[in-house]
Amino acid sequence: NLAYMDIRFSNLCNLKCRSCGPLFSSSWFDDHVQMYGSVPHKKFLK
């Protein structure tokens, strides 16, 4: 019963906000790799 639907279909995002990260923003991915060496998932998530 999805009377209330909330599905984050992807992490595609054009911003990289300070309180966010690569899980919810694809734009964060490259910064995270440069700072920490790796990310435990793909850049673009579905």
All heavy atoms as atom14 arrays in JSON, in Angstrom:
{
  "sequence": "NLAYMDIRFSNLCNLKCRSCGPLFSSSWFDDHVQMYGSVPHKKFLK",
  "atom14_mask": [
    [1, 1, 1, 1, 1, 1, 1, 1, 0, 0, 0, 0, 0, 0],
    [1, 1, 1, 1, 1, 1, 1, 1, 0, 0, 0, 0, 0, 0],
    [1, 1, 1, 1, 1, 0, 0, 0, 0, 0, 0, 0, 0, 0],
    [1, 1, 1, 1, 1, 1, 1, 1, 1, 1, 1, 1, 0, 0],
    [1, 1, 1, 1, 1, 1, 1, 1, 0, 0, 0, 0, 0, 0],
    [1, 1, 1, 1, 1, 1, 1, 1, 0, 0, 0, 0, 0, 0],
    [1, 1, 1, 1, 1, 1, 1, 1, 0, 0, 0, 0, 0, 0],
    [1, 1, 1, 1, 1, 1, 1, 1, 1, 1, 1, 0, 0, 0],
    [1, 1, 1, 1, 1, 1, 1, 1, 1, 1, 1, 0, 0, 0],
    [1, 1, 1, 1, 1, 1, 0, 0, 0, 0, 0, 0, 0, 0],
    [1, 1, 1, 1, 1, 1, 1, 1, 0, 0, 0, 0, 0, 0],
    [1, 1, 1, 1, 1, 1, 1, 1, 0, 0, 0, 0, 0, 0],
    [1, 1, 1, 1, 1, 1, 0, 0, 0, 0, 0, 0, 0, 0],
    [1, 1, 1, 1, 1, 1, 1, 1, 0, 0, 0, 0, 0, 0],
    [1, 1, 1, 1, 1, 1, 1, 1, 0, 0, 0, 0, 0, 0],
    [1, 1, 1, 1, 1, 1, 1, 1, 1, 0, 0, 0, 0, 0],
    [1, 1, 1, 1, 1, 1, 0, 0, 0, 0, 0, 0, 0, 0],
    [1, 1, 1, 1, 1, 1, 1, 1, 1, 1, 1, 0, 0, 0],
    [1, 1, 1, 1, 1, 1, 0, 0, 0, 0, 0, 0, 0, 0],
    [1, 1, 1, 1, 1, 1, 0, 0, 0, 0, 0, 0, 0, 0],
    [1, 1, 1, 1, 0, 0, 0, 0, 0, 0, 0, 0, 0, 0],
    [1, 1, 1, 1, 1, 1, 1, 0, 0, 0, 0, 0, 0, 0],
    [1, 1, 1, 1, 1, 1, 1, 1, 0, 0, 0, 0, 0, 0],
    [1, 1, 1, 1, 1, 1, 1, 1, 1, 1, 1, 0, 0, 0],
    [1, 1, 1, 1, 1, 1, 0, 0, 0, 0, 0, 0, 0, 0],
    [1, 1, 1, 1, 1, 1, 0, 0, 0, 0, 0, 0, 0, 0],
    [1, 1, 1, 1, 1, 1, 0, 0, 0, 0, 0, 0, 0, 0],
    [1, 1, 1, 1, 1, 1, 1, 1, 1, 1, 1, 1, 1, 1],
    [1, 1, 1, 1, 1, 1, 1, 1, 1, 1, 1, 0, 0, 0],
    [1, 1, 1, 1, 1, 1, 1, 1, 0, 0, 0, 0, 0, 0],
    [1, 1, 1, 1, 1, 1, 1, 1, 0, 0, 0, 0, 0, 0],
    [1, 1, 1, 1, 1, 1, 1, 1, 1, 1, 0, 0, 0, 0],
    [1, 1, 1, 1, 1, 1, 1, 0, 0, 0, 0, 0, 0, 0],
    [1, 1, 1, 1, 1, 1, 1, 1, 1, 0, 0, 0, 0, 0],
    [1, 1, 1, 1, 1, 1, 1, 1, 0, 0, 0, 0, 0, 0],
    [1, 1, 1, 1, 1, 1, 1, 1, 1, 1, 1, 1, 0, 0],
    [1, 1, 1, 1, 0, 0, 0, 0, 0, 0, 0, 0, 0, 0],
    [1, 1, 1, 1, 1, 1, 0, 0, 0, 0, 0, 0, 0, 0],
    [1, 1, 1, 1, 1, 1, 1, 0, 0, 0, 0, 0, 0, 0],
    [1, 1, 1, 1, 1, 1, 1, 0, 0, 0, 0, 0, 0, 0],
    [1, 1, 1, 1, 1, 1, 1, 1, 1, 1, 0, 0, 0, 0],
    [1, 1, 1, 1, 1, 1, 1, 1, 1, 0, 0, 0, 0, 0],
    [1, 1, 1, 1, 1, 1, 1, 1, 1, 0, 0, 0, 0, 0],
    [1, 1, 1, 1, 1, 1, 1, 1, 1, 1, 1, 0, 0, 0],
    [1, 1, 1, 1, 1, 1, 1, 1, 0, 0, 0, 0, 0, 0],
    [1, 1, 1, 1, 1, 1, 1, 1, 1, 0, 0, 0, 0, 0]
  ],
  "atom14_positions": [
    [[0.85, -1.19, 0.0], [0.0, 0.0, 0.0], [0.89, 1.24, 0.0], [1.3, 1.72, 1.05], [-0.91, 0.0, 1.24], [-1.74, 1.27, 1.34], [-2.12, 1.85, 0.32], [-2.02, 1.71, 2.56], [0.0, 0.0, 0.0], [0.0, 0.0, 0.0], [0.0, 0.0, 0.0], [0.0, 0.0, 0.0], [0.0, 0.0, 0.0], [0.0, 0.0, 0.0]],
    [[1.2, 1.74, -1.17], [2.03, 2.94, -1.26], [1.14, 4.18, -1.38], [1.21, 4.93, -2.35], [2.99, 2.86, -2.46], [4.15, 1.87, -2.36], [5.09, 2.05, -3.54], [4.93, 2.04, -1.06], [0.0, 0.0, 0.0], [0.0, 0.0, 0.0], [0.0, 0.0, 0.0], [0.0, 0.0, 0.0], [0.0, 0.0, 0.0], [0.0, 0.0, 0.0]],
    [[0.28, 4.37, -0.38], [-0.52, 5.59, -0.37], [0.4, 6.81, -0.39], [0.07, 7.85, -0.95], [-1.41, 5.61, 0.87], [0.0, 0.0, 0.0], [0.0, 0.0, 0.0], [0.0, 0.0, 0.0], [0.0, 0.0, 0.0], [0.0, 0.0, 0.0], [0.0, 0.0, 0.0], [0.0, 0.0, 0.0], [0.0, 0.0, 0.0], [0.0, 0.0, 0.0]],
    [[1.55, 6.64, 0.23], [2.57, 7.7, 0.26], [3.84, 7.12, -0.37], [4.43, 6.18, 0.15], [2.82, 8.14, 1.69], [3.91, 9.17, 1.88], [4.18, 10.15, 0.93], [4.67, 9.17, 3.05], [5.18, 11.08, 1.13], [5.67, 10.11, 3.27], [5.92, 11.05, 2.31], [6.91, 11.99, 2.5], [0.0, 0.0, 0.0], [0.0, 0.0, 0.0]],
    [[4.24, 7.64, -1.51], [5.38, 7.11, -2.26], [6.59, 8.01, -2.13], [6.49, 9.23, -2.29], [5.01, 6.95, -3.75], [6.06, 6.2, -4.56], [5.55, 5.95, -6.29], [6.11, 7.48, -7.03], [0.0, 0.0, 0.0], [0.0, 0.0, 0.0], [0.0, 0.0, 0.0], [0.0, 0.0, 0.0], [0.0, 0.0, 0.0], [0.0, 0.0, 0.0]],
    [[7.72, 7.41, -1.84], [8.98, 8.15, -1.75], [10.1, 7.24, -2.24], [10.66, 6.46, -1.48], [9.24, 8.61, -0.31], [10.58, 9.29, -0.14], [11.25, 9.56, -1.15], [10.97, 9.56, 1.02], [0.0, 0.0, 0.0], [0.0, 0.0, 0.0], [0.0, 0.0, 0.0], [0.0, 0.0, 0.0], [0.0, 0.0, 0.0], [0.0, 0.0, 0.0]],
    [[10.39, 7.34, -3.52], [11.43, 6.52, -4.13], [12.5, 7.43, -4.72], [12.21, 8.27, -5.57], [10.85, 5.62, -5.24], [9.76, 4.7, -4.66], [11.96, 4.79, -5.9], [9.01, 3.9, -5.72], [0.0, 0.0, 0.0], [0.0, 0.0, 0.0], [0.0, 0.0, 0.0], [0.0, 0.0, 0.0], [0.0, 0.0, 0.0], [0.0, 0.0, 0.0]],
    [[13.72, 7.28, -4.24], [14.83, 8.05, -4.8], [15.4, 7.23, -5.96], [16.22, 6.33, -5.75], [15.89, 8.32, -3.73], [15.33, 8.78, -2.39], [14.64, 10.12, -2.45], [13.87, 10.41, -1.25], [14.34, 11.07, -0.19], [15.59, 11.47, -0.15], [13.55, 11.32, 0.84], [0.0, 0.0, 0.0], [0.0, 0.0, 0.0], [0.0, 0.0, 0.0]],
    [[14.91, 7.51, -7.16], [15.21, 6.65, -8.3], [16.69, 6.61, -8.65], [17.18, 5.6, -9.17], [14.39, 7.1, -9.51], [12.94, 6.77, -9.39], [12.04, 7.69, -8.87], [12.47, 5.52, -9.76], [10.69, 7.38, -8.74], [11.13, 5.2, -9.63], [10.24, 6.13, -9.11], [0.0, 0.0, 0.0], [0.0, 0.0, 0.0], [0.0, 0.0, 0.0]],
    [[17.4, 7.68, -8.38], [18.84, 7.68, -8.65], [19.52, 8.74, -7.8], [18.86, 9.55, -7.14], [19.11, 7.95, -10.14], [19.05, 9.34, -10.42], [0.0, 0.0, 0.0], [0.0, 0.0, 0.0], [0.0, 0.0, 0.0], [0.0, 0.0, 0.0], [0.0, 0.0, 0.0], [0.0, 0.0, 0.0], [0.0, 0.0, 0.0], [0.0, 0.0, 0.0]],
    [[20.85, 8.73, -7.83], [21.61, 9.74, -7.1], [22.08, 10.86, -8.02], [22.94, 11.66, -7.63], [22.81, 9.11, -6.4], [23.89, 8.63, -7.37], [23.6, 8.35, -8.54], [25.12, 8.51, -6.91], [0.0, 0.0, 0.0], [0.0, 0.0, 0.0], [0.0, 0.0, 0.0], [0.0, 0.0, 0.0], [0.0, 0.0, 0.0], [0.0, 0.0, 0.0]],
    [[21.51, 10.93, -9.23], [21.9, 11.96, -10.17], [21.61, 13.34, -9.59], [20.47, 13.66, -9.26], [21.15, 11.78, -11.49], [21.46, 12.79, -12.6], [22.91, 12.64, -13.06], [20.5, 12.61, -13.78], [0.0, 0.0, 0.0], [0.0, 0.0, 0.0], [0.0, 0.0, 0.0], [0.0, 0.0, 0.0], [0.0, 0.0, 0.0], [0.0, 0.0, 0.0]],
    [[22.63, 14.16, -9.47], [22.47, 15.5, -8.91], [23.52, 16.42, -9.49], [24.67, 16.01, -9.73], [22.58, 15.46, -7.38], [22.16, 17.06, -6.61], [0.0, 0.0, 0.0], [0.0, 0.0, 0.0], [0.0, 0.0, 0.0], [0.0, 0.0, 0.0], [0.0, 0.0, 0.0], [0.0, 0.0, 0.0], [0.0, 0.0, 0.0], [0.0, 0.0, 0.0]],
    [[23.15, 17.66, -9.71], [24.05, 18.65, -10.28], [24.83, 19.43, -9.22], [25.74, 20.19, -9.55], [23.27, 19.63, -11.17], [22.16, 20.35, -10.41], [21.42, 19.72, -9.65], [22.02, 21.64, -10.61], [0.0, 0.0, 0.0], [0.0, 0.0, 0.0], [0.0, 0.0, 0.0], [0.0, 0.0, 0.0], [0.0, 0.0, 0.0], [0.0, 0.0, 0.0]],
    [[24.47, 19.25, -7.95], [25.17, 19.95, -6.87], [25.93, 18.96, -5.98], [25.66, 17.76, -6.0], [24.19, 20.74, -6.0], [23.3, 21.78, -6.68], [22.55, 22.59, -5.63], [24.09, 22.69, -7.6], [0.0, 0.0, 0.0], [0.0, 0.0, 0.0], [0.0, 0.0, 0.0], [0.0, 0.0, 0.0], [0.0, 0.0, 0.0], [0.0, 0.0, 0.0]],
    [[26.86, 19.5, -5.21], [27.57, 18.68, -4.22], [27.6, 19.46, -2.9], [28.53, 20.18, -2.6], [28.97, 18.3, -4.7], [29.74, 19.37, -5.44], [31.04, 18.8, -6.01], [31.8, 19.83, -6.82], [33.06, 19.28, -7.39], [0.0, 0.0, 0.0], [0.0, 0.0, 0.0], [0.0, 0.0, 0.0], [0.0, 0.0, 0.0], [0.0, 0.0, 0.0]],
    [[26.51, 19.29, -2.16], [26.28, 20.07, -0.94], [27.17, 19.57, 0.2], [27.48, 18.38, 0.29], [24.82, 19.97, -0.54], [23.69, 20.47, -1.86], [0.0, 0.0, 0.0], [0.0, 0.0, 0.0], [0.0, 0.0, 0.0], [0.0, 0.0, 0.0], [0.0, 0.0, 0.0], [0.0, 0.0, 0.0], [0.0, 0.0, 0.0], [0.0, 0.0, 0.0]],
    [[27.54, 20.47, 1.08], [28.45, 20.14, 2.17], [27.94, 19.02, 3.06], [28.7, 18.21, 3.57], [28.72, 21.39, 3.01], [29.65, 22.39, 2.35], [31.1, 21.97, 2.45], [31.98, 22.8, 1.63], [33.24, 23.06, 1.94], [33.78, 22.57, 3.04], [33.99, 23.8, 1.13], [0.0, 0.0, 0.0], [0.0, 0.0, 0.0], [0.0, 0.0, 0.0]],
    [[26.63, 18.97, 3.29], [26.07, 17.97, 4.21], [25.69, 16.69, 3.5], [25.09, 15.79, 4.09], [24.85, 18.55, 4.93], [23.88, 18.98, 3.99], [0.0, 0.0, 0.0], [0.0, 0.0, 0.0], [0.0, 0.0, 0.0], [0.0, 0.0, 0.0], [0.0, 0.0, 0.0], [0.0, 0.0, 0.0], [0.0, 0.0, 0.0], [0.0, 0.0, 0.0]],
    [[26.03, 16.56, 2.21], [25.67, 15.39, 1.42], [26.91, 14.54, 1.15], [27.95, 14.67, 1.78], [24.99, 15.83, 0.12], [24.07, 14.52, -0.72], [0.0, 0.0, 0.0], [0.0, 0.0, 0.0], [0.0, 0.0, 0.0], [0.0, 0.0, 0.0], [0.0, 0.0, 0.0], [0.0, 0.0, 0.0], [0.0, 0.0, 0.0], [0.0, 0.0, 0.0]],
    [[26.8, 13.62, 0.19], [27.9, 12.75, -0.17], [27.57, 11.98, -1.43], [26.5, 12.16, -2.03], [0.0, 0.0, 0.0], [0.0, 0.0, 0.0], [0.0, 0.0, 0.0], [0.0, 0.0, 0.0], [0.0, 0.0, 0.0], [0.0, 0.0, 0.0], [0.0, 0.0, 0.0], [0.0, 0.0, 0.0], [0.0, 0.0, 0.0], [0.0, 0.0, 0.0]],
    [[28.45, 11.08, -1.87], [28.27, 10.41, -3.18], [27.08, 9.46, -3.25], [26.62, 9.15, -4.34], [29.59, 9.64, -3.36], [30.14, 9.48, -1.98], [29.73, 10.7, -1.24], [0.0, 0.0, 0.0], [0.0, 0.0, 0.0], [0.0, 0.0, 0.0], [0.0, 0.0, 0.0], [0.0, 0.0, 0.0], [0.0, 0.0, 0.0], [0.0, 0.0, 0.0]],
    [[26.55, 9.01, -2.1], [25.39, 8.13, -2.15], [24.16, 8.84, -2.69], [23.34, 8.25, -3.39], [25.11, 7.56, -0.75], [23.94, 6.58, -0.63], [24.19, 5.34, -1.48], [23.72, 6.18, 0.83], [0.0, 0.0, 0.0], [0.0, 0.0, 0.0], [0.0, 0.0, 0.0], [0.0, 0.0, 0.0], [0.0, 0.0, 0.0], [0.0, 0.0, 0.0]],
    [[24.02, 10.14, -2.37], [22.85, 10.9, -2.81], [23.18, 11.97, -3.85], [22.28, 12.67, -4.29], [22.17, 11.54, -1.61], [21.49, 10.55, -0.71], [22.09, 10.14, 0.46], [20.28, 9.98, -1.07], [21.48, 9.2, 1.28], [19.67, 9.04, -0.26], [20.26, 8.65, 0.92], [0.0, 0.0, 0.0], [0.0, 0.0, 0.0], [0.0, 0.0, 0.0]],
    [[24.45, 12.1, -4.21], [24.82, 13.06, -5.24], [25.95, 12.51, -6.09], [27.08, 12.34, -5.61], [25.26, 14.39, -4.62], [25.81, 15.23, -5.62], [0.0, 0.0, 0.0], [0.0, 0.0, 0.0], [0.0, 0.0, 0.0], [0.0, 0.0, 0.0], [0.0, 0.0, 0.0], [0.0, 0.0, 0.0], [0.0, 0.0, 0.0], [0.0, 0.0, 0.0]],
    [[25.64, 12.26, -7.35], [26.67, 11.78, -8.28], [27.79, 12.81, -8.43], [28.95, 12.44, -8.68], [26.04, 11.49, -9.64], [25.34, 12.63, -10.13], [0.0, 0.0, 0.0], [0.0, 0.0, 0.0], [0.0, 0.0, 0.0], [0.0, 0.0, 0.0], [0.0, 0.0, 0.0], [0.0, 0.0, 0.0], [0.0, 0.0, 0.0], [0.0, 0.0, 0.0]],
    [[27.48, 14.09, -8.26], [28.49, 15.14, -8.39], [29.54, 15.08, -7.29], [30.63, 15.62, -7.43], [27.83, 16.52, -8.41], [27.04, 16.69, -9.56], [0.0, 0.0, 0.0], [0.0, 0.0, 0.0], [0.0, 0.0, 0.0], [0.0, 0.0, 0.0], [0.0, 0.0, 0.0], [0.0, 0.0, 0.0], [0.0, 0.0, 0.0], [0.0, 0.0, 0.0]],
    [[29.2, 14.43, -6.18], [30.12, 14.31, -5.05], [31.19, 13.24, -5.3], [32.22, 13.21, -4.64], [29.35, 13.95, -3.78], [29.4, 14.95, -2.68], [28.39, 15.78, -2.27], [30.51, 15.25, -1.83], [28.8, 16.57, -1.21], [30.1, 16.26, -0.93], [31.82, 14.78, -1.75], [30.95, 16.8, 0.05], [32.67, 15.32, -0.77], [32.22, 16.31, 0.1]],
    [[30.93, 12.33, -6.22], [31.74, 11.13, -6.36], [33.23, 11.44, -6.56], [34.09, 10.92, -5.83], [31.22, 10.29, -7.54], [31.86, 8.94, -7.66], [31.33, 7.83, -7.02], [33.01, 8.76, -8.43], [31.92, 6.58, -7.13], [33.61, 7.53, -8.55], [33.06, 6.42, -7.9], [0.0, 0.0, 0.0], [0.0, 0.0, 0.0], [0.0, 0.0, 0.0]],
    [[33.56, 12.27, -7.53], [34.96, 12.54, -7.84], [35.68, 13.22, -6.68], [36.85, 12.91, -6.4], [35.07, 13.39, -9.1], [34.62, 12.64, -10.35], [34.58, 11.39, -10.32], [34.28, 13.3, -11.35], [0.0, 0.0, 0.0], [0.0, 0.0, 0.0], [0.0, 0.0, 0.0], [0.0, 0.0, 0.0], [0.0, 0.0, 0.0], [0.0, 0.0, 0.0]],
    [[35.0, 14.15, -5.99], [35.61, 14.79, -4.83], [35.92, 13.76, -3.75], [36.98, 13.79, -3.11], [34.67, 15.86, -4.25], [34.69, 17.14, -5.05], [35.35, 17.18, -6.12], [34.05, 18.12, -4.63], [0.0, 0.0, 0.0], [0.0, 0.0, 0.0], [0.0, 0.0, 0.0], [0.0, 0.0, 0.0], [0.0, 0.0, 0.0], [0.0, 0.0, 0.0]],
    [[34.99, 12.86, -3.52], [35.16, 11.85, -2.48], [36.35, 10.94, -2.81], [37.15, 10.59, -1.92], [33.89, 11.02, -2.34], [33.8, 10.25, -1.06], [34.46, 9.06, -0.87], [33.14, 10.5, 0.1], [34.2, 8.59, 0.35], [33.41, 9.45, 0.95], [0.0, 0.0, 0.0], [0.0, 0.0, 0.0], [0.0, 0.0, 0.0], [0.0, 0.0, 0.0]],
    [[36.5, 10.56, -4.07], [37.62, 9.72, -4.49], [38.94, 10.44, -4.26], [39.91, 9.86, -3.76], [37.46, 9.31, -5.97], [38.75, 8.66, -6.5], [36.3, 8.35, -6.14], [0.0, 0.0, 0.0], [0.0, 0.0, 0.0], [0.0, 0.0, 0.0], [0.0, 0.0, 0.0], [0.0, 0.0, 0.0], [0.0, 0.0, 0.0], [0.0, 0.0, 0.0]],
    [[38.99, 11.72, -4.6], [40.23, 12.49, -4.42], [40.59, 12.63, -2.95], [41.76, 12.63, -2.58], [40.09, 13.87, -5.06], [40.08, 13.84, -6.58], [40.13, 15.23, -7.18], [41.08, 15.99, -6.94], [39.11, 15.57, -7.95], [0.0, 0.0, 0.0], [0.0, 0.0, 0.0], [0.0, 0.0, 0.0], [0.0, 0.0, 0.0], [0.0, 0.0, 0.0]],
    [[39.57, 12.73, -2.09], [39.85, 12.92, -0.66], [40.16, 11.62, 0.07], [40.99, 11.58, 0.96], [38.66, 13.61, 0.01], [38.5, 15.07, -0.37], [37.28, 15.94, 0.65], [35.78, 15.09, 0.21], [0.0, 0.0, 0.0], [0.0, 0.0, 0.0], [0.0, 0.0, 0.0], [0.0, 0.0, 0.0], [0.0, 0.0, 0.0], [0.0, 0.0, 0.0]],
    [[39.48, 10.55, -0.32], [39.57, 9.31, 0.46], [40.06, 8.1, -0.35], [40.23, 7.03, 0.22], [38.22, 8.98, 1.09], [37.73, 10.07, 1.99], [36.67, 10.91, 1.61], [38.33, 10.31, 3.23], [36.22, 11.93, 2.44], [37.88, 11.33, 4.06], [36.83, 12.13, 3.66], [36.39, 13.14, 4.48], [0.0, 0.0, 0.0], [0.0, 0.0, 0.0]],
    [[40.27, 8.28, -1.66], [40.85, 7.21, -2.45], [39.87, 6.29, -3.14], [40.18, 5.72, -4.18], [0.0, 0.0, 0.0], [0.0, 0.0, 0.0], [0.0, 0.0, 0.0], [0.0, 0.0, 0.0], [0.0, 0.0, 0.0], [0.0, 0.0, 0.0], [0.0, 0.0, 0.0], [0.0, 0.0, 0.0], [0.0, 0.0, 0.0], [0.0, 0.0, 0.0]],
    [[38.69, 6.13, -2.59], [37.71, 5.23, -3.21], [36.31, 5.52, -2.66], [36.16, 6.22, -1.65], [38.07, 3.77, -2.94], [37.99, 3.47, -1.56], [0.0, 0.0, 0.0], [0.0, 0.0, 0.0], [0.0, 0.0, 0.0], [0.0, 0.0, 0.0], [0.0, 0.0, 0.0], [0.0, 0.0, 0.0], [0.0, 0.0, 0.0], [0.0, 0.0, 0.0]],
    [[35.33, 4.96, -3.33], [33.93, 5.0, -2.9], [33.39, 3.58, -3.04], [33.65, 2.93, -4.05], [33.09, 5.98, -3.77], [31.63, 5.97, -3.34], [33.64, 7.38, -3.68], [0.0, 0.0, 0.0], [0.0, 0.0, 0.0], [0.0, 0.0, 0.0], [0.0, 0.0, 0.0], [0.0, 0.0, 0.0], [0.0, 0.0, 0.0], [0.0, 0.0, 0.0]],
    [[32.67, 3.08, -2.04], [32.23, 1.68, -2.09], [31.03, 1.41, -3.0], [30.27, 0.49, -2.76], [31.88, 1.39, -0.62], [31.46, 2.71, -0.07], [32.33, 3.72, -0.76], [0.0, 0.0, 0.0], [0.0, 0.0, 0.0], [0.0, 0.0, 0.0], [0.0, 0.0, 0.0], [0.0, 0.0, 0.0], [0.0, 0.0, 0.0], [0.0, 0.0, 0.0]],
    [[30.86, 2.23, -4.03], [29.77, 2.0, -4.98], [30.06, 2.76, -6.26], [31.02, 3.54, -6.35], [28.42, 2.45, -4.39], [28.39, 3.86, -3.9], [28.4, 4.96, -4.75], [28.34, 4.38, -2.65], [28.36, 6.07, -4.05], [28.33, 5.75, -2.77], [0.0, 0.0, 0.0], [0.0, 0.0, 0.0], [0.0, 0.0, 0.0], [0.0, 0.0, 0.0]],
    [[29.24, 2.54, -7.26], [29.41, 3.21, -8.55], [29.09, 4.7, -8.43], [28.46, 5.13, -7.48], [28.48, 2.57, -9.58], [28.72, 1.1, -9.84], [27.72, 0.54, -10.85], [26.3, 0.53, -10.31], [25.34, -0.13, -11.24], [0.0, 0.0, 0.0], [0.0, 0.0, 0.0], [0.0, 0.0, 0.0], [0.0, 0.0, 0.0], [0.0, 0.0, 0.0]],
    [[29.52, 5.46, -9.45], [29.23, 6.89, -9.45], [27.73, 7.15, -9.6], [27.15, 7.95, -8.86], [29.99, 7.59, -10.57], [29.76, 9.1, -10.61], [30.7, 9.78, -11.61], [30.53, 11.3, -11.57], [31.51, 11.98, -12.45], [0.0, 0.0, 0.0], [0.0, 0.0, 0.0], [0.0, 0.0, 0.0], [0.0, 0.0, 0.0], [0.0, 0.0, 0.0]],
    [[27.11, 6.46, -10.56], [25.68, 6.65, -10.81], [24.91, 5.44, -10.28], [25.16, 4.31, -10.7], [25.42, 6.85, -12.3], [26.04, 8.1, -12.85], [27.21, 8.04, -13.58], [25.47, 9.34, -12.6], [27.81, 9.21, -14.08], [26.05, 10.51, -13.09], [27.22, 10.44, -13.83], [0.0, 0.0, 0.0], [0.0, 0.0, 0.0], [0.0, 0.0, 0.0]],
    [[24.01, 5.7, -9.37], [23.24, 4.63, -8.72], [21.79, 4.69, -9.14], [21.23, 5.76, -9.37], [23.33, 4.78, -7.2], [24.73, 4.7, -6.58], [24.67, 5.06, -5.11], [25.34, 3.32, -6.77], [0.0, 0.0, 0.0], [0.0, 0.0, 0.0], [0.0, 0.0, 0.0], [0.0, 0.0, 0.0], [0.0, 0.0, 0.0], [0.0, 0.0, 0.0]],
    [[21.16, 3.52, -9.24], [19.74, 3.41, -9.52], [19.09, 2.56, -8.44], [19.74, 1.69, -7.85], [19.51, 2.75, -10.88], [19.95, 3.59, -12.08], [18.9, 4.64, -12.42], [19.19, 5.33, -13.74], [18.14, 6.33, -14.06], [0.0, 0.0, 0.0], [0.0, 0.0, 0.0], [0.0, 0.0, 0.0], [0.0, 0.0, 0.0], [0.0, 0.0, 0.0]]
  ]
}
